[in-house]
Amino acid sequence: MNLRMSAGPHFVARESTQTLMLDVLIALIPTTAAGVYLFGLRAAWVLAVSVISAVLAEFVWQKLARKPVRVNDLSAAVTGLILGLNMPAEVPLWLPAIGSIIAILLVKQLFGGIGQNFMNPAMLARGIMLVSWPAQMTVYTLPMRVLGSTSVVPSPDAVSAATALIRPSAYNPYDLLVGNIPGTVGEVCKLAIIIGFLYMLFVGTISWHIPVTFVGSVALLSWILGSDPWMAILSGGVLFGAVFMATDYVTNPLLKVGHIIFGIGCGIIVVVIRKFGGYPEGVTFAILLMNTVTPLIDRWTKRRVYGTVKKHG
């Protein structure tokens, strides 16, 4: 029998990669259900293709590379679902397939697999698709159904609109909260996102530090620059990004003070891109930029180690 010894303390916890990813999937159920309800069967196809492509890409890569097959840890499924939720309902179905392959192979596996990637796989894949296929990735459709009403707007095949960030004043707070606005499948229904956030807080999957400081800094800086802070939060992908993407374990800082710095940095970059950049939305690029400085944040915020002698010279 082989014994492995490591330094204490030792304790048993319920958390594993699989349980953490399962909690994220559960938290995404309200957002997924709302997106499919609002945008119809087409949205379900986009999500299914994205998830299946991500899982198959990881399975095939690990088989060909003769590595342990770990698709049952659910991390590939989470990546695929988050990527699909970040797409408009009417994208051609080859696009979520390509995006998932990019996320799994280029961003995750080529850097050594789960825990080794320095950027969020779903976010980097979305960034690449925004740059490579902007026409397909930025054509948003109005929801097929309106929550809280029996009326039905025309099919997304016939009606398209700019993201609500272009004209946030055209929508009232109720529409912004429940998702009666054009946007990606997962970002439109803010109530569903908040439910997922509260669930993950309750089970301890994430802490409040990154989401709250991210959203708070967007609201504060938008107000300083003369914009409506509520519209800044509710009319784009800030809430979805803050809850489900910026909180990625691998690519955000280790300590809580680092989480606060990370969240504030994301919020500032989002507002700067929205106000002065060429894109109406900046959540994807903000998170990716902050991913790159995570090692520096960890270096600045590392705890002092007691019982050691500082080296001189």
C-alpha atoms as a PDB file:
ATOM      1  CA  MET A   1       0.000   0.000   0.000  1.00  0.00           C
ATOM      2  CA  ASN A   2       1.303   3.445  -0.963  1.00  0.00           C
ATOM      3  CA  LEU A   3       0.941   6.198   1.602  1.00  0.00           C
ATOM      4  CA  ARG A   4       1.066   9.865   0.682  1.00  0.00           C
ATOM      5  CA  MET A   5       2.014  12.323   3.399  1.00  0.00           C
ATOM      6  CA  SER A   6       1.345  16.044   3.278  1.00  0.00           C
ATOM      7  CA  ALA A   7       1.448  18.895   5.743  1.00  0.00           C
ATOM      8  CA  GLY A   8      -1.570  19.616   7.902  1.00  0.00           C
ATOM      9  CA  PRO A   9      -4.159  20.692   8.610  1.00  0.00           C
ATOM     10  CA  HIS A  10      -6.285  17.935   7.121  1.00  0.00           C
ATOM     11  CA  PHE A  11     -10.052  18.061   6.814  1.00  0.00           C
ATOM     12  CA  VAL A  12     -12.843  16.471   4.821  1.00  0.00           C
ATOM     13  CA  ALA A  13     -15.050  18.695   2.669  1.00  0.00           C
ATOM     14  CA  ARG A  14     -17.937  18.053   0.290  1.00  0.00           C
ATOM     15  CA  GLU A  15     -16.393  20.190  -2.427  1.00  0.00           C
ATOM     16  CA  SER A  16     -14.902  18.542  -5.465  1.00  0.00           C
ATOM     17  CA  THR A  17     -14.697  19.712  -9.050  1.00  0.00           C
ATOM     18  CA  GLN A  18     -17.826  17.731  -9.855  1.00  0.00           C
ATOM     19  CA  THR A  19     -19.901  19.084  -6.951  1.00  0.00           C
ATOM     20  CA  LEU A  20     -18.823  22.668  -7.644  1.00  0.00           C
ATOM     21  CA  MET A  21     -19.658  22.352 -11.335  1.00  0.00           C
ATOM     22  CA  LEU A  22     -22.974  20.708 -10.477  1.00  0.00           C
ATOM     23  CA  ASP A  23     -23.842  23.664  -8.251  1.00  0.00           C
ATOM     24  CA  VAL A  24     -23.070  26.045 -11.126  1.00  0.00           C
ATOM     25  CA  LEU A  25     -25.269  24.001 -13.470  1.00  0.00           C
ATOM     26  CA  ILE A  26     -28.110  24.091 -10.938  1.00  0.00           C
ATOM     27  CA  ALA A  27     -27.668  27.852 -10.568  1.00  0.00           C
ATOM     28  CA  LEU A  28     -27.881  28.199 -14.357  1.00  0.00           C
ATOM     29  CA  ILE A  29     -31.222  26.357 -14.569  1.00  0.00           C
ATOM     30  CA  PRO A  30     -33.395  29.485 -14.022  1.00  0.00           C
ATOM     31  CA  THR A  31     -31.410  31.470 -16.604  1.00  0.00           C
ATOM     32  CA  THR A  32     -31.501  28.609 -19.098  1.00  0.00           C
ATOM     33  CA  ALA A  33     -35.210  28.022 -18.616  1.00  0.00           C
ATOM     34  CA  ALA A  34     -35.981  31.734 -18.973  1.00  0.00           C
ATOM     35  CA  GLY A  35     -33.878  31.992 -22.124  1.00  0.00           C
ATOM     36  CA  VAL A  36     -35.573  29.007 -23.766  1.00  0.00           C
ATOM     37  CA  TYR A  37     -39.017  30.279 -22.762  1.00  0.00           C
ATOM     38  CA  LEU A  38     -38.334  33.774 -24.105  1.00  0.00           C
ATOM     39  CA  PHE A  39     -36.543  32.853 -27.327  1.00  0.00           C
ATOM     40  CA  GLY A  40     -38.121  29.502 -28.074  1.00  0.00           C
ATOM     41  CA  LEU A  41     -36.824  26.191 -29.408  1.00  0.00           C
ATOM     42  CA  ARG A  42     -34.056  27.856 -31.395  1.00  0.00           C
ATOM     43  CA  ALA A  43     -32.365  28.914 -28.152  1.00  0.00           C
ATOM     44  CA  ALA A  44     -32.569  25.328 -26.871  1.00  0.00           C
ATOM     45  CA  TRP A  45     -30.781  24.116 -30.001  1.00  0.00           C
ATOM     46  CA  VAL A  46     -27.998  26.673 -29.553  1.00  0.00           C
ATOM     47  CA  LEU A  47     -27.470  25.595 -25.940  1.00  0.00           C
ATOM     48  CA  ALA A  48     -27.603  21.879 -26.782  1.00  0.00           C
ATOM     49  CA  VAL A  49     -25.083  22.180 -29.607  1.00  0.00           C
ATOM     50  CA  SER A  50     -22.752  24.243 -27.423  1.00  0.00           C
ATOM     51  CA  VAL A  51     -22.832  21.803 -24.490  1.00  0.00           C
ATOM     52  CA  ILE A  52     -22.570  18.643 -26.596  1.00  0.00           C
ATOM     53  CA  SER A  53     -19.690  20.078 -28.636  1.00  0.00           C
ATOM     54  CA  ALA A  54     -17.793  21.045 -25.497  1.00  0.00           C
ATOM     55  CA  VAL A  55     -18.205  17.622 -23.888  1.00  0.00           C
ATOM     56  CA  LEU A  56     -17.303  15.757 -27.100  1.00  0.00           C
ATOM     57  CA  ALA A  57     -14.258  17.966 -27.708  1.00  0.00           C
ATOM     58  CA  GLU A  58     -12.909  17.232 -24.234  1.00  0.00           C
ATOM     59  CA  PHE A  59     -13.683  13.507 -24.502  1.00  0.00           C
ATOM     60  CA  VAL A  60     -12.015  13.115 -27.913  1.00  0.00           C
ATOM     61  CA  TRP A  61      -8.957  15.164 -26.908  1.00  0.00           C
ATOM     62  CA  GLN A  62      -8.380  13.175 -23.733  1.00  0.00           C
ATOM     63  CA  LYS A  63      -8.830   9.897 -25.603  1.00  0.00           C
ATOM     64  CA  LEU A  64      -6.413  10.862 -28.387  1.00  0.00           C
ATOM     65  CA  ALA A  65      -3.890  12.260 -25.899  1.00  0.00           C
ATOM     66  CA  ARG A  66      -4.224   9.099 -23.793  1.00  0.00           C
ATOM     67  CA  LYS A  67      -5.152  11.091 -20.732  1.00  0.00           C
ATOM     68  CA  PRO A  68      -7.739  10.194 -18.113  1.00  0.00           C
ATOM     69  CA  VAL A  69     -11.200  11.026 -19.421  1.00  0.00           C
ATOM     70  CA  ARG A  70     -12.684  13.556 -17.001  1.00  0.00           C
ATOM     71  CA  VAL A  71     -15.844  14.744 -18.712  1.00  0.00           C
ATOM     72  CA  ASN A  72     -17.795  13.491 -15.703  1.00  0.00           C
ATOM     73  CA  ASP A  73     -16.373  16.381 -13.649  1.00  0.00           C
ATOM     74  CA  LEU A  74     -18.943  18.509 -15.549  1.00  0.00           C
ATOM     75  CA  SER A  75     -16.506  21.379 -16.218  1.00  0.00           C
ATOM     76  CA  ALA A  76     -16.856  20.981 -19.999  1.00  0.00           C
ATOM     77  CA  ALA A  77     -20.647  21.022 -19.688  1.00  0.00           C
ATOM     78  CA  VAL A  78     -20.482  24.247 -17.664  1.00  0.00           C
ATOM     79  CA  THR A  79     -18.184  25.854 -20.243  1.00  0.00           C
ATOM     80  CA  GLY A  80     -20.477  24.855 -23.097  1.00  0.00           C
ATOM     81  CA  LEU A  81     -23.631  26.060 -21.349  1.00  0.00           C
ATOM     82  CA  ILE A  82     -22.149  29.429 -20.360  1.00  0.00           C
ATOM     83  CA  LEU A  83     -20.849  29.942 -23.892  1.00  0.00           C
ATOM     84  CA  GLY A  84     -24.248  29.093 -25.386  1.00  0.00           C
ATOM     85  CA  LEU A  85     -25.996  31.474 -23.008  1.00  0.00           C
ATOM     86  CA  ASN A  86     -23.669  34.217 -24.250  1.00  0.00           C
ATOM     87  CA  MET A  87     -24.910  33.890 -27.834  1.00  0.00           C
ATOM     88  CA  PRO A  88     -27.936  35.319 -29.619  1.00  0.00           C
ATOM     89  CA  ALA A  89     -30.694  32.771 -30.229  1.00  0.00           C
ATOM     90  CA  GLU A  90     -30.430  33.084 -34.001  1.00  0.00           C
ATOM     91  CA  VAL A  91     -26.731  32.328 -34.506  1.00  0.00           C
ATOM     92  CA  PRO A  92     -26.054  29.569 -37.068  1.00  0.00           C
ATOM     93  CA  LEU A  93     -25.628  26.282 -35.219  1.00  0.00           C
ATOM     94  CA  TRP A  94     -22.089  25.760 -36.480  1.00  0.00           C
ATOM     95  CA  LEU A  95     -20.997  28.783 -34.458  1.00  0.00           C
ATOM     96  CA  PRO A  96     -21.645  27.388 -30.943  1.00  0.00           C
ATOM     97  CA  ALA A  97     -19.948  24.168 -32.067  1.00  0.00           C
ATOM     98  CA  ILE A  98     -16.827  26.034 -33.180  1.00  0.00           C
ATOM     99  CA  GLY A  99     -16.909  28.217 -30.078  1.00  0.00           C
ATOM    100  CA  SER A 100     -17.031  25.215 -27.742  1.00  0.00           C
ATOM    101  CA  ILE A 101     -14.160  23.528 -29.564  1.00  0.00           C
ATOM    102  CA  ILE A 102     -12.092  26.713 -29.248  1.00  0.00           C
ATOM    103  CA  ALA A 103     -12.920  26.980 -25.532  1.00  0.00           C
ATOM    104  CA  ILE A 104     -12.078  23.377 -24.718  1.00  0.00           C
ATOM    105  CA  LEU A 105      -9.112  22.676 -26.990  1.00  0.00           C
ATOM    106  CA  LEU A 106      -7.393  26.030 -27.476  1.00  0.00           C
ATOM    107  CA  VAL A 107      -8.003  27.643 -24.100  1.00  0.00           C
ATOM    108  CA  LYS A 108      -8.346  24.717 -21.702  1.00  0.00           C
ATOM    109  CA  GLN A 109      -6.624  21.543 -22.905  1.00  0.00           C
ATOM    110  CA  LEU A 110      -3.615  23.074 -24.667  1.00  0.00           C
ATOM    111  CA  PHE A 111      -2.723  24.793 -21.401  1.00  0.00           C
ATOM    112  CA  GLY A 112      -2.851  21.520 -19.480  1.00  0.00           C
ATOM    113  CA  GLY A 113      -6.521  20.978 -18.699  1.00  0.00           C
ATOM    114  CA  ILE A 114      -8.744  22.163 -15.892  1.00  0.00           C
ATOM    115  CA  GLY A 115      -6.986  24.417 -13.431  1.00  0.00           C
ATOM    116  CA  GLN A 116      -4.176  25.353 -15.824  1.00  0.00           C
ATOM    117  CA  ASN A 117      -5.882  27.847 -18.146  1.00  0.00           C
ATOM    118  CA  PHE A 118      -5.084  31.498 -17.453  1.00  0.00           C
ATOM    119  CA  MET A 119      -8.259  32.833 -19.057  1.00  0.00           C
ATOM    120  CA  ASN A 120     -11.898  31.840 -18.755  1.00  0.00           C
ATOM    121  CA  PRO A 121     -12.433  29.370 -21.648  1.00  0.00           C
ATOM    122  CA  ALA A 122     -15.989  30.453 -22.444  1.00  0.00           C
ATOM    123  CA  MET A 123     -15.042  34.135 -22.330  1.00  0.00           C
ATOM    124  CA  LEU A 124     -11.999  33.834 -24.556  1.00  0.00           C
ATOM    125  CA  ALA A 125     -13.961  31.736 -27.055  1.00  0.00           C
ATOM    126  CA  ARG A 126     -16.703  34.380 -27.094  1.00  0.00           C
ATOM    127  CA  GLY A 127     -14.130  37.133 -27.561  1.00  0.00           C
ATOM    128  CA  ILE A 128     -12.634  35.308 -30.533  1.00  0.00           C
ATOM    129  CA  MET A 129     -16.086  34.822 -32.056  1.00  0.00           C
ATOM    130  CA  LEU A 130     -17.013  38.485 -31.533  1.00  0.00           C
ATOM    131  CA  VAL A 131     -13.918  39.514 -33.457  1.00  0.00           C
ATOM    132  CA  SER A 132     -14.140  36.793 -36.118  1.00  0.00           C
ATOM    133  CA  TRP A 133     -17.905  36.681 -36.759  1.00  0.00           C
ATOM    134  CA  PRO A 134     -19.265  40.044 -35.544  1.00  0.00           C
ATOM    135  CA  ALA A 135     -22.285  39.987 -37.856  1.00  0.00           C
ATOM    136  CA  GLN A 136     -23.560  36.671 -36.472  1.00  0.00           C
ATOM    137  CA  MET A 137     -22.639  37.400 -32.846  1.00  0.00           C
ATOM    138  CA  THR A 138     -24.253  40.837 -32.611  1.00  0.00           C
ATOM    139  CA  VAL A 139     -27.610  40.338 -34.336  1.00  0.00           C
ATOM    140  CA  TYR A 140     -30.032  40.189 -31.416  1.00  0.00           C
ATOM    141  CA  THR A 141     -33.688  39.251 -31.645  1.00  0.00           C
ATOM    142  CA  LEU A 142     -36.730  40.229 -29.656  1.00  0.00           C
ATOM    143  CA  PRO A 143     -38.116  37.487 -27.402  1.00  0.00           C
ATOM    144  CA  MET A 144     -40.849  35.321 -28.863  1.00  0.00           C
ATOM    145  CA  ARG A 145     -42.813  35.614 -25.641  1.00  0.00           C
ATOM    146  CA  VAL A 146     -43.339  38.377 -23.133  1.00  0.00           C
ATOM    147  CA  LEU A 147     -43.223  37.385 -19.477  1.00  0.00           C
ATOM    148  CA  GLY A 148     -46.235  38.530 -17.513  1.00  0.00           C
ATOM    149  CA  SER A 149     -48.378  38.943 -20.638  1.00  0.00           C
ATOM    150  CA  THR A 150     -50.382  36.781 -22.998  1.00  0.00           C
ATOM    151  CA  SER A 151     -49.173  38.728 -26.019  1.00  0.00           C
ATOM    152  CA  VAL A 152     -46.620  37.248 -28.350  1.00  0.00           C
ATOM    153  CA  VAL A 153     -44.315  39.339 -30.492  1.00  0.00           C
ATOM    154  CA  PRO A 154     -43.418  38.087 -33.986  1.00  0.00           C
ATOM    155  CA  SER A 155     -40.957  35.272 -34.421  1.00  0.00           C
ATOM    156  CA  PRO A 156     -37.251  36.132 -33.976  1.00  0.00           C
ATOM    157  CA  ASP A 157     -36.859  35.116 -37.642  1.00  0.00           C
ATOM    158  CA  ALA A 158     -38.737  38.280 -38.562  1.00  0.00           C
ATOM    159  CA  VAL A 159     -37.800  40.767 -35.856  1.00  0.00           C
ATOM    160  CA  SER A 160     -34.303  41.845 -34.872  1.00  0.00           C
ATOM    161  CA  ALA A 161     -33.104  44.735 -32.767  1.00  0.00           C
ATOM    162  CA  ALA A 162     -29.963  46.287 -31.385  1.00  0.00           C
ATOM    163  CA  THR A 163     -28.912  45.312 -27.891  1.00  0.00           C
ATOM    164  CA  ALA A 164     -30.787  47.203 -25.186  1.00  0.00           C
ATOM    165  CA  LEU A 165     -27.545  49.042 -24.384  1.00  0.00           C
ATOM    166  CA  ILE A 166     -27.994  51.100 -27.549  1.00  0.00           C
ATOM    167  CA  ARG A 167     -31.314  52.555 -26.365  1.00  0.00           C
ATOM    168  CA  PRO A 168     -31.878  51.555 -22.725  1.00  0.00           C
ATOM    169  CA  SER A 169     -34.488  54.293 -22.252  1.00  0.00           C
ATOM    170  CA  ALA A 170     -36.727  52.455 -24.724  1.00  0.00           C
ATOM    171  CA  TYR A 171     -37.373  49.760 -22.109  1.00  0.00           C
ATOM    172  CA  ASN A 172     -38.959  50.085 -18.688  1.00  0.00           C
ATOM    173  CA  PRO A 173     -37.448  48.507 -15.533  1.00  0.00           C
ATOM    174  CA  TYR A 174     -39.929  45.618 -15.613  1.00  0.00           C
ATOM    175  CA  ASP A 175     -38.930  44.625 -19.141  1.00  0.00           C
ATOM    176  CA  LEU A 176     -35.254  44.851 -18.213  1.00  0.00           C
ATOM    177  CA  LEU A 177     -35.747  42.649 -15.152  1.00  0.00           C
ATOM    178  CA  VAL A 178     -37.799  39.869 -16.727  1.00  0.00           C
ATOM    179  CA  GLY A 179     -36.101  39.800 -20.125  1.00  0.00           C
ATOM    180  CA  ASN A 180     -38.500  41.487 -22.545  1.00  0.00           C
ATOM    181  CA  ILE A 181     -35.515  42.960 -24.402  1.00  0.00           C
ATOM    182  CA  PRO A 182     -33.184  41.888 -27.214  1.00  0.00           C
ATOM    183  CA  GLY A 183     -29.934  40.273 -26.142  1.00  0.00           C
ATOM    184  CA  THR A 184     -28.170  36.963 -25.744  1.00  0.00           C
ATOM    185  CA  VAL A 185     -30.061  33.920 -24.490  1.00  0.00           C
ATOM    186  CA  GLY A 186     -28.712  34.078 -20.952  1.00  0.00           C
ATOM    187  CA  GLU A 187     -28.258  37.762 -20.223  1.00  0.00           C
ATOM    188  CA  VAL A 188     -31.767  39.145 -20.725  1.00  0.00           C
ATOM    189  CA  CYS A 189     -33.685  37.806 -17.691  1.00  0.00           C
ATOM    190  CA  LYS A 190     -32.047  39.488 -14.710  1.00  0.00           C
ATOM    191  CA  LEU A 191     -34.401  37.905 -12.157  1.00  0.00           C
ATOM    192  CA  ALA A 192     -33.250  34.429 -13.218  1.00  0.00           C
ATOM    193  CA  ILE A 193     -29.609  35.478 -12.864  1.00  0.00           C
ATOM    194  CA  ILE A 194     -30.254  36.843  -9.370  1.00  0.00           C
ATOM    195  CA  ILE A 195     -31.903  33.545  -8.354  1.00  0.00           C
ATOM    196  CA  GLY A 196     -28.812  31.659  -9.534  1.00  0.00           C
ATOM    197  CA  PHE A 197     -26.570  34.086  -7.658  1.00  0.00           C
ATOM    198  CA  LEU A 198     -28.496  33.615  -4.409  1.00  0.00           C
ATOM    199  CA  TYR A 199     -28.354  29.825  -4.796  1.00  0.00           C
ATOM    200  CA  MET A 200     -24.571  29.823  -5.235  1.00  0.00           C
ATOM    201  CA  LEU A 201     -24.166  32.119  -2.251  1.00  0.00           C
ATOM    202  CA  PHE A 202     -26.379  29.819  -0.153  1.00  0.00           C
ATOM    203  CA  VAL A 203     -24.413  26.646  -0.982  1.00  0.00           C
ATOM    204  CA  GLY A 204     -21.080  28.457  -0.739  1.00  0.00           C
ATOM    205  CA  THR A 205     -20.007  27.940  -4.350  1.00  0.00           C
ATOM    206  CA  ILE A 206     -19.022  31.605  -4.663  1.00  0.00           C
ATOM    207  CA  SER A 207     -18.634  34.581  -2.351  1.00  0.00           C
ATOM    208  CA  TRP A 208     -20.242  37.989  -2.807  1.00  0.00           C
ATOM    209  CA  HIS A 209     -17.003  39.897  -3.307  1.00  0.00           C
ATOM    210  CA  ILE A 210     -16.531  39.768  -7.093  1.00  0.00           C
ATOM    211  CA  PRO A 211     -20.199  40.055  -8.182  1.00  0.00           C
ATOM    212  CA  VAL A 212     -21.032  42.884  -5.782  1.00  0.00           C
ATOM    213  CA  THR A 213     -17.905  44.944  -6.441  1.00  0.00           C
ATOM    214  CA  PHE A 214     -18.195  44.330 -10.198  1.00  0.00           C
ATOM    215  CA  VAL A 215     -21.830  45.465 -10.384  1.00  0.00           C
ATOM    216  CA  GLY A 216     -21.312  48.228  -7.812  1.00  0.00           C
ATOM    217  CA  SER A 217     -18.366  49.755  -9.650  1.00  0.00           C
ATOM    218  CA  VAL A 218     -20.313  49.731 -12.943  1.00  0.00           C
ATOM    219  CA  ALA A 219     -23.226  51.525 -11.249  1.00  0.00           C
ATOM    220  CA  LEU A 220     -21.036  54.070  -9.461  1.00  0.00           C
ATOM    221  CA  LEU A 221     -18.829  54.957 -12.418  1.00  0.00           C
ATOM    222  CA  SER A 222     -21.809  55.124 -14.771  1.00  0.00           C
ATOM    223  CA  TRP A 223     -23.485  57.569 -12.381  1.00  0.00           C
ATOM    224  CA  ILE A 224     -20.313  59.677 -12.160  1.00  0.00           C
ATOM    225  CA  LEU A 225     -20.188  59.850 -15.973  1.00  0.00           C
ATOM    226  CA  GLY A 226     -23.806  60.934 -16.210  1.00  0.00           C
ATOM    227  CA  SER A 227     -25.538  57.651 -17.081  1.00  0.00           C
ATOM    228  CA  ASP A 228     -28.413  55.975 -15.279  1.00  0.00           C
ATOM    229  CA  PRO A 229     -26.760  53.375 -13.002  1.00  0.00           C
ATOM    230  CA  TRP A 230     -29.815  51.089 -13.000  1.00  0.00           C
ATOM    231  CA  MET A 231     -29.946  51.051 -16.774  1.00  0.00           C
ATOM    232  CA  ALA A 232     -26.201  50.399 -16.902  1.00  0.00           C
ATOM    233  CA  ILE A 233     -26.659  47.285 -14.771  1.00  0.00           C
ATOM    234  CA  LEU A 234     -29.894  45.937 -16.241  1.00  0.00           C
ATOM    235  CA  SER A 235     -29.573  46.664 -19.963  1.00  0.00           C
ATOM    236  CA  GLY A 236     -26.532  44.516 -20.778  1.00  0.00           C
ATOM    237  CA  GLY A 237     -24.572  41.487 -19.667  1.00  0.00           C
ATOM    238  CA  VAL A 238     -23.075  42.889 -16.453  1.00  0.00           C
ATOM    239  CA  LEU A 239     -25.120  40.730 -14.082  1.00  0.00           C
ATOM    240  CA  PHE A 240     -24.547  37.500 -16.010  1.00  0.00           C
ATOM    241  CA  GLY A 241     -20.836  38.215 -16.354  1.00  0.00           C
ATOM    242  CA  ALA A 242     -20.416  39.179 -12.712  1.00  0.00           C
ATOM    243  CA  VAL A 243     -22.221  36.108 -11.372  1.00  0.00           C
ATOM    244  CA  PHE A 244     -21.267  33.298 -13.736  1.00  0.00           C
ATOM    245  CA  MET A 245     -18.053  34.310 -15.520  1.00  0.00           C
ATOM    246  CA  ALA A 246     -15.975  36.614 -13.346  1.00  0.00           C
ATOM    247  CA  THR A 247     -16.317  34.146 -10.456  1.00  0.00           C
ATOM    248  CA  ASP A 248     -14.459  31.348 -12.273  1.00  0.00           C
ATOM    249  CA  TYR A 249     -12.232  29.647  -9.680  1.00  0.00           C
ATOM    250  CA  VAL A 250      -9.220  29.195 -11.945  1.00  0.00           C
ATOM    251  CA  THR A 251      -8.912  32.686 -13.392  1.00  0.00           C
ATOM    252  CA  ASN A 252      -9.717  34.993 -10.476  1.00  0.00           C
ATOM    253  CA  PRO A 253      -7.478  35.848  -7.484  1.00  0.00           C
ATOM    254  CA  LEU A 254      -7.073  33.583  -4.503  1.00  0.00           C
ATOM    255  CA  LEU A 255      -7.811  35.969  -1.627  1.00  0.00           C
ATOM    256  CA  LYS A 256     -10.921  38.021  -0.872  1.00  0.00           C
ATOM    257  CA  VAL A 257      -9.051  41.334  -1.125  1.00  0.00           C
ATOM    258  CA  GLY A 258      -7.919  40.199  -4.564  1.00  0.00           C
ATOM    259  CA  HIS A 259     -11.542  39.430  -5.451  1.00  0.00           C
ATOM    260  CA  ILE A 260     -12.501  43.004  -4.595  1.00  0.00           C
ATOM    261  CA  ILE A 261      -9.688  44.427  -6.739  1.00  0.00           C
ATOM    262  CA  PHE A 262     -10.679  42.062  -9.562  1.00  0.00           C
ATOM    263  CA  GLY A 263     -14.352  43.046  -9.400  1.00  0.00           C
ATOM    264  CA  ILE A 264     -13.623  46.774  -9.322  1.00  0.00           C
ATOM    265  CA  GLY A 265     -11.213  46.405 -12.246  1.00  0.00           C
ATOM    266  CA  CYS A 266     -13.829  44.565 -14.300  1.00  0.00           C
ATOM    267  CA  GLY A 267     -16.429  47.218 -13.581  1.00  0.00           C
ATOM    268  CA  ILE A 268     -14.143  50.107 -14.522  1.00  0.00           C
ATOM    269  CA  ILE A 269     -13.122  48.477 -17.814  1.00  0.00           C
ATOM    270  CA  VAL A 270     -16.753  47.740 -18.731  1.00  0.00           C
ATOM    271  CA  VAL A 271     -17.766  51.371 -18.276  1.00  0.00           C
ATOM    272  CA  VAL A 272     -14.707  52.678 -20.127  1.00  0.00           C
ATOM    273  CA  ILE A 273     -15.422  50.399 -23.116  1.00  0.00           C
ATOM    274  CA  ARG A 274     -19.110  51.308 -23.135  1.00  0.00           C
ATOM    275  CA  LYS A 275     -18.444  55.054 -22.857  1.00  0.00           C
ATOM    276  CA  PHE A 276     -15.360  55.489 -25.013  1.00  0.00           C
ATOM    277  CA  GLY A 277     -14.873  52.265 -26.983  1.00  0.00           C
ATOM    278  CA  GLY A 278     -16.247  50.935 -30.232  1.00  0.00           C
ATOM    279  CA  TYR A 279     -18.360  48.176 -28.631  1.00  0.00           C
ATOM    280  CA  PRO A 280     -21.666  48.888 -26.866  1.00  0.00           C
ATOM    281  CA  GLU A 281     -20.830  46.108 -24.383  1.00  0.00           C
ATOM    282  CA  GLY A 282     -17.519  45.396 -22.693  1.00  0.00           C
ATOM    283  CA  VAL A 283     -18.114  42.574 -20.210  1.00  0.00           C
ATOM    284  CA  THR A 284     -16.270  39.892 -22.178  1.00  0.00           C
ATOM    285  CA  PHE A 285     -13.164  41.975 -22.758  1.00  0.00           C
ATOM    286  CA  ALA A 286     -13.171  43.342 -19.208  1.00  0.00           C
ATOM    287  CA  ILE A 287     -13.112  39.868 -17.681  1.00  0.00           C
ATOM    288  CA  LEU A 288     -10.428  38.674 -20.090  1.00  0.00           C
ATOM    289  CA  LEU A 289      -8.207  41.682 -19.347  1.00  0.00           C
ATOM    290  CA  MET A 290      -8.575  41.158 -15.604  1.00  0.00           C
ATOM    291  CA  ASN A 291      -7.816  37.437 -16.049  1.00  0.00           C
ATOM    292  CA  THR A 292      -4.402  38.432 -17.391  1.00  0.00           C
ATOM    293  CA  VAL A 293      -3.580  40.511 -14.303  1.00  0.00           C
ATOM    294  CA  THR A 294      -4.809  37.915 -11.790  1.00  0.00           C
ATOM    295  CA  PRO A 295      -1.223  36.663 -11.125  1.00  0.00           C
ATOM    296  CA  LEU A 296      -0.166  40.241 -10.365  1.00  0.00           C
ATOM    297  CA  ILE A 297      -3.122  40.740  -8.030  1.00  0.00           C
ATOM    298  CA  ASP A 298      -2.197  37.527  -6.206  1.00  0.00           C
ATOM    299  CA  ARG A 299       1.378  38.747  -5.930  1.00  0.00           C
ATOM    300  CA  TRP A 300       0.315  42.115  -4.507  1.00  0.00           C
ATOM    301  CA  THR A 301      -2.161  40.634  -2.042  1.00  0.00           C
ATOM    302  CA  LYS A 302      -0.322  37.521  -0.838  1.00  0.00           C
ATOM    303  CA  ARG A 303      -0.319  36.913   2.889  1.00  0.00           C
ATOM    304  CA  ARG A 304       2.837  37.469   4.883  1.00  0.00           C
ATOM    305  CA  VAL A 305       4.480  34.200   5.867  1.00  0.00           C
ATOM    306  CA  TYR A 306       5.570  34.215   9.499  1.00  0.00           C
ATOM    307  CA  GLY A 307       8.510  32.252  10.843  1.00  0.00           C
ATOM    308  CA  THR A 308      10.791  32.953   7.870  1.00  0.00           C
ATOM    309  CA  VAL A 309      13.747  35.276   7.478  1.00  0.00           C
ATOM    310  CA  LYS A 310      13.606  37.887   4.738  1.00  0.00           C
ATOM    311  CA  LYS A 311      16.449  37.571   2.235  1.00  0.00           C
ATOM    312  CA  HIS A 312      18.690  40.587   1.765  1.00  0.00           C
ATOM    313  CA  GLY A 313      20.978  41.557  -1.074  1.00  0.00           C
END
